[in-house]
Amino acid sequence: MDIRPVNNPAIDLEDVHLTLGEGAARVHILKGVSLRVPAGEAVGLVGPSGSGKSTLLMVTAGLERADSGIVRIAGEDLGRLSEDALARFRGRRIGIVFQSFHLVPNMTALENVAVLLELAGEPRAFERARAELESVGLGARLSHYPAALSGGEQQRVAIARALVANPPILIADEPTGNLDEATGEKIVDLLFAAQATRRMTLFLVTHDLRLARRCARIVRLKDGEIEGDEPAEPAESEVAGE
């Protein structure tokens, strides 16, 4: 169910199905998911554990192939791309932030952010990576390895890496899941500030409904199907100023 007409959505999923596993362990994860997200909108995806939230993000990011249906991202039908073409597209058009950071342990913060630009042949890879790390408050930690960084600092590196190519779409899967509440709040502020200033599309998976309400729209997933799609509204306590 779409809540408004969309002409050129950043994310356009049509009747997407995905089954994982083999034989008796085969599980139908996504069951005919259709969803459109306009360019520049922030959408929070919520639902119980096992509902398919992270899998839906993986399909949207091109990290999992749908069994059937159409996955069209920034106007590109991902199902028509080879693995190499899909990787190149993802590097240019989609930034991804994971719960577990996914930094390369034997690379410095600067190298972790620059590596994808280097692989793409960007001559200013380290200059751009340095500027991105400074923008997330890590200008003094460029030469540190992940093991020498706090969880919040590691997530800032991951955000800088996701943003350094200036992609139009940012996907975040439980970005505060491994952080304490205070650190998580700072990371969330950073994500939404980046989304607003760069006018990016933000697709955010979270178990925290309060966090989801910071988005313009909340999509509710249950048992691999969308059961709700509505404009986000602040909690009663937020309205009351508590």
Protein backbone atom coordinates (compact mmCIF):
# COMPACT_ATOMS: atom_id res chain seq x y z
CA MET A 1 0.00 0.00 0.00
CA ASP A 2 1.43 3.38 -1.01
CA ILE A 3 0.45 6.47 0.99
CA ARG A 4 1.02 8.95 -1.87
CA PRO A 5 1.52 8.87 -5.62
CA VAL A 6 5.16 8.50 -6.64
CA ASN A 7 6.46 9.22 -10.14
CA ASN A 8 10.17 8.46 -9.79
CA PRO A 9 10.76 6.61 -6.52
CA ALA A 10 14.28 6.02 -5.24
CA ILE A 11 13.17 2.57 -4.09
CA ASP A 12 10.55 0.67 -6.07
CA LEU A 13 9.77 -2.92 -5.09
CA GLU A 14 7.04 -4.84 -6.90
CA ASP A 15 5.74 -8.20 -5.65
CA VAL A 16 9.13 -9.29 -4.29
CA HIS A 17 9.49 -12.88 -3.08
CA LEU A 18 12.53 -14.49 -1.50
CA THR A 19 13.01 -18.00 -0.14
CA LEU A 20 16.15 -19.09 1.70
CA GLY A 21 17.44 -22.50 2.71
CA GLU A 22 17.16 -25.94 1.17
CA GLY A 23 14.76 -28.86 1.50
CA ALA A 24 12.90 -29.04 4.80
CA ALA A 25 14.78 -25.96 6.03
CA ARG A 26 13.52 -23.83 3.14
CA VAL A 27 11.75 -20.71 4.44
CA HIS A 28 9.67 -18.20 2.49
CA ILE A 29 11.09 -14.94 3.92
CA LEU A 30 9.53 -12.23 1.73
CA LYS A 31 6.02 -12.80 0.45
CA GLY A 32 5.02 -10.40 -2.28
CA VAL A 33 6.45 -7.18 -0.87
CA SER A 34 5.60 -4.02 -2.83
CA LEU A 35 6.96 -0.68 -1.63
CA ARG A 36 7.78 2.71 -3.10
CA VAL A 37 9.97 5.31 -1.41
CA PRO A 38 10.29 8.79 -2.98
CA ALA A 39 13.71 10.33 -3.43
CA GLY A 40 14.78 12.21 -0.32
CA GLU A 41 12.33 10.55 2.07
CA ALA A 42 13.29 8.86 5.36
CA VAL A 43 11.45 5.59 5.98
CA GLY A 44 11.61 3.49 9.13
CA LEU A 45 11.07 -0.26 8.73
CA VAL A 46 9.84 -1.95 11.91
CA GLY A 47 8.53 -5.37 12.84
CA PRO A 48 9.12 -8.32 15.20
CA SER A 49 12.26 -10.46 15.04
CA GLY A 50 12.09 -12.83 12.10
CA SER A 51 9.67 -10.67 10.15
CA GLY A 52 12.13 -10.22 7.28
CA LYS A 53 13.28 -6.64 7.92
CA SER A 54 17.00 -7.16 7.43
CA THR A 55 16.38 -9.47 4.47
CA LEU A 56 14.28 -6.78 2.82
CA LEU A 57 17.12 -4.30 3.25
CA MET A 58 19.58 -6.81 1.81
CA VAL A 59 17.38 -7.22 -1.26
CA THR A 60 17.00 -3.44 -1.59
CA ALA A 61 20.78 -3.02 -1.40
CA GLY A 62 21.38 -5.73 -3.99
CA LEU A 63 23.15 -7.97 -1.46
CA GLU A 64 20.48 -10.67 -1.91
CA ARG A 65 18.75 -11.55 -5.18
CA ALA A 66 14.95 -11.79 -5.10
CA ASP A 67 13.46 -15.04 -6.40
CA SER A 68 10.79 -13.08 -8.26
CA GLY A 69 9.38 -9.59 -8.55
CA ILE A 70 11.08 -6.33 -9.47
CA VAL A 71 13.70 -4.50 -7.41
CA ARG A 72 14.23 -1.10 -9.00
CA ILE A 73 16.63 1.24 -7.19
CA ALA A 74 17.33 4.79 -8.39
CA GLY A 75 15.67 3.79 -11.65
CA GLU A 76 17.85 0.69 -12.17
CA ASP A 77 16.32 -2.81 -12.32
CA LEU A 78 18.79 -4.75 -10.14
CA GLY A 79 17.57 -8.07 -11.51
CA ARG A 80 19.03 -7.19 -14.92
CA LEU A 81 22.54 -6.49 -13.62
CA SER A 82 25.44 -8.93 -13.52
CA GLU A 83 27.23 -9.37 -10.20
CA ASP A 84 30.04 -7.05 -11.31
CA ALA A 85 27.63 -4.40 -12.60
CA LEU A 86 25.60 -4.68 -9.41
CA ALA A 87 28.69 -4.15 -7.26
CA ARG A 88 29.63 -1.06 -9.27
CA PHE A 89 26.09 0.29 -9.03
CA ARG A 90 26.00 -0.28 -5.28
CA GLY A 91 29.32 1.50 -4.84
CA ARG A 92 28.01 4.60 -6.60
CA ARG A 93 24.38 4.73 -5.57
CA ILE A 94 23.88 3.04 -2.19
CA GLY A 95 25.54 3.66 1.17
CA ILE A 96 25.09 0.91 3.77
CA VAL A 97 25.51 1.05 7.56
CA PHE A 98 25.34 -2.25 9.47
CA GLN A 99 24.74 -2.97 13.14
CA SER A 100 28.14 -4.68 13.47
CA PHE A 101 30.19 -1.97 11.69
CA HIS A 102 31.89 -4.41 9.24
CA LEU A 103 35.21 -2.56 9.25
CA VAL A 104 38.37 -4.22 7.93
CA PRO A 105 40.43 -4.85 11.11
CA ASN A 106 43.88 -4.46 9.54
CA MET A 107 43.02 -1.13 7.92
CA THR A 108 43.10 2.27 9.62
CA ALA A 109 39.97 4.39 9.83
CA LEU A 110 41.22 6.40 6.85
CA GLU A 111 41.91 3.27 4.80
CA ASN A 112 38.52 1.76 5.66
CA VAL A 113 36.75 4.83 4.30
CA ALA A 114 39.00 5.27 1.25
CA VAL A 115 39.12 1.66 0.06
CA LEU A 116 35.95 1.62 -2.04
CA LEU A 117 36.89 4.88 -3.74
CA GLU A 118 40.35 3.46 -4.43
CA LEU A 119 38.85 0.35 -6.01
CA ALA A 120 36.66 2.59 -8.17
CA GLY A 121 39.75 4.42 -9.40
CA GLU A 122 39.07 7.72 -7.61
CA PRO A 123 42.38 9.66 -7.57
CA ARG A 124 41.32 11.74 -4.56
CA ALA A 125 40.21 8.75 -2.49
CA PHE A 126 42.23 9.57 0.63
CA GLU A 127 41.52 13.28 0.46
CA ARG A 128 37.77 12.62 0.30
CA ALA A 129 37.98 9.97 3.02
CA ARG A 130 39.82 12.38 5.33
CA ALA A 131 37.18 15.06 4.78
CA GLU A 132 34.37 12.60 5.47
CA LEU A 133 35.98 11.39 8.70
CA GLU A 134 36.45 14.98 9.82
CA SER A 135 32.76 15.62 9.12
CA VAL A 136 31.79 12.85 11.57
CA GLY A 137 34.17 14.12 14.25
CA LEU A 138 37.05 11.68 13.73
CA GLY A 139 39.70 13.98 12.27
CA ALA A 140 42.06 13.03 15.10
CA ARG A 141 41.54 9.27 14.67
CA LEU A 142 42.50 8.79 11.02
CA SER A 143 45.43 6.44 11.70
CA HIS A 144 43.69 4.33 14.34
CA TYR A 145 42.71 0.73 13.67
CA PRO A 146 39.17 -0.47 14.55
CA ALA A 147 40.37 -2.30 17.67
CA ALA A 148 41.63 1.01 19.06
CA LEU A 149 38.28 2.74 18.52
CA SER A 150 35.18 2.69 20.70
CA GLY A 151 31.94 1.23 19.36
CA GLY A 152 30.58 4.68 18.66
CA GLU A 153 33.77 5.67 16.84
CA GLN A 154 33.68 2.50 14.75
CA GLN A 155 30.12 3.28 13.73
CA ARG A 156 31.16 6.81 12.78
CA VAL A 157 33.84 5.30 10.53
CA ALA A 158 31.17 3.05 9.01
CA ILE A 159 28.92 6.05 8.40
CA ALA A 160 31.78 7.99 6.80
CA ARG A 161 32.44 4.99 4.55
CA ALA A 162 28.77 4.86 3.57
CA LEU A 163 28.68 8.57 2.77
CA VAL A 164 32.05 9.12 1.09
CA ALA A 165 30.79 8.36 -2.43
CA ASN A 166 27.87 10.73 -1.82
CA PRO A 167 25.22 8.12 -2.74
CA PRO A 168 21.58 9.18 -3.16
CA ILE A 169 20.36 6.28 -0.99
CA LEU A 170 21.47 5.40 2.54
CA ILE A 171 20.45 2.05 4.03
CA ALA A 172 20.92 1.45 7.77
CA ASP A 173 20.28 -1.87 9.51
CA GLU A 174 19.90 -1.41 13.29
CA PRO A 175 22.73 1.16 13.33
CA THR A 176 22.50 1.63 17.12
CA GLY A 177 22.04 -2.05 18.01
CA ASN A 178 25.56 -2.50 19.43
CA LEU A 179 25.77 0.88 21.15
CA ASP A 180 24.72 2.25 24.52
CA GLU A 181 21.78 4.66 24.55
CA ALA A 182 23.76 7.90 24.75
CA THR A 183 26.16 6.89 21.98
CA GLY A 184 23.27 5.58 19.91
CA GLU A 185 21.52 8.95 20.11
CA LYS A 186 24.60 10.70 18.72
CA ILE A 187 24.83 8.20 15.85
CA VAL A 188 21.14 8.68 15.04
CA ASP A 189 21.56 12.46 15.04
CA LEU A 190 24.49 12.05 12.66
CA LEU A 191 22.48 9.86 10.26
CA PHE A 192 19.49 12.16 10.12
CA ALA A 193 21.69 15.25 9.75
CA ALA A 194 23.42 13.62 6.77
CA GLN A 195 20.08 12.61 5.28
CA ALA A 196 18.69 16.13 5.59
CA THR A 197 21.72 18.11 4.40
CA ARG A 198 22.45 15.79 1.45
CA ARG A 199 18.77 15.20 0.65
CA MET A 200 19.36 11.48 0.63
CA THR A 201 16.77 8.74 0.75
CA LEU A 202 17.11 6.94 4.11
CA PHE A 203 15.81 3.38 4.57
CA LEU A 204 16.23 2.48 8.24
CA VAL A 205 15.58 -0.85 9.96
CA THR A 206 15.06 -0.52 13.70
CA HIS A 207 13.34 -2.29 16.58
CA ASP A 208 13.03 1.10 18.31
CA LEU A 209 9.70 2.70 17.45
CA ARG A 210 10.85 6.02 18.93
CA LEU A 211 13.72 6.05 16.45
CA ALA A 212 11.41 5.06 13.58
CA ARG A 213 9.19 8.04 14.40
CA ARG A 214 12.03 10.36 13.46
CA CYS A 215 11.44 9.27 9.88
CA ALA A 216 8.70 10.74 7.69
CA ARG A 217 7.05 7.36 7.30
CA ILE A 218 6.87 4.00 9.06
CA VAL A 219 6.50 0.67 7.24
CA ARG A 220 5.52 -2.32 9.38
CA LEU A 221 6.59 -5.79 8.31
CA LYS A 222 5.16 -9.03 9.72
CA ASP A 223 5.83 -12.57 8.52
CA GLY A 224 7.41 -11.28 5.33
CA GLU A 225 4.48 -9.07 4.37
CA ILE A 226 3.80 -5.35 4.76
CA GLU A 227 0.99 -4.95 7.26
CA GLY A 228 1.18 -1.19 7.68
CA ASP A 229 2.50 1.87 5.85
CA GLU A 230 1.69 5.26 7.30
CA PRO A 231 3.14 8.71 8.02
CA ALA A 232 5.18 8.71 11.21
CA GLU A 233 3.66 10.48 14.18
CA PRO A 234 5.48 11.48 17.37
CA ALA A 235 4.78 9.53 20.53
CA GLU A 236 2.24 11.03 22.95
CA SER A 237 5.03 11.84 25.39
CA GLU A 238 6.86 13.77 22.66
CA VAL A 239 3.71 15.70 21.80
CA ALA A 240 3.18 16.52 25.47
CA GLY A 241 6.79 17.60 25.79
CA GLU A 242 7.65 14.99 28.42
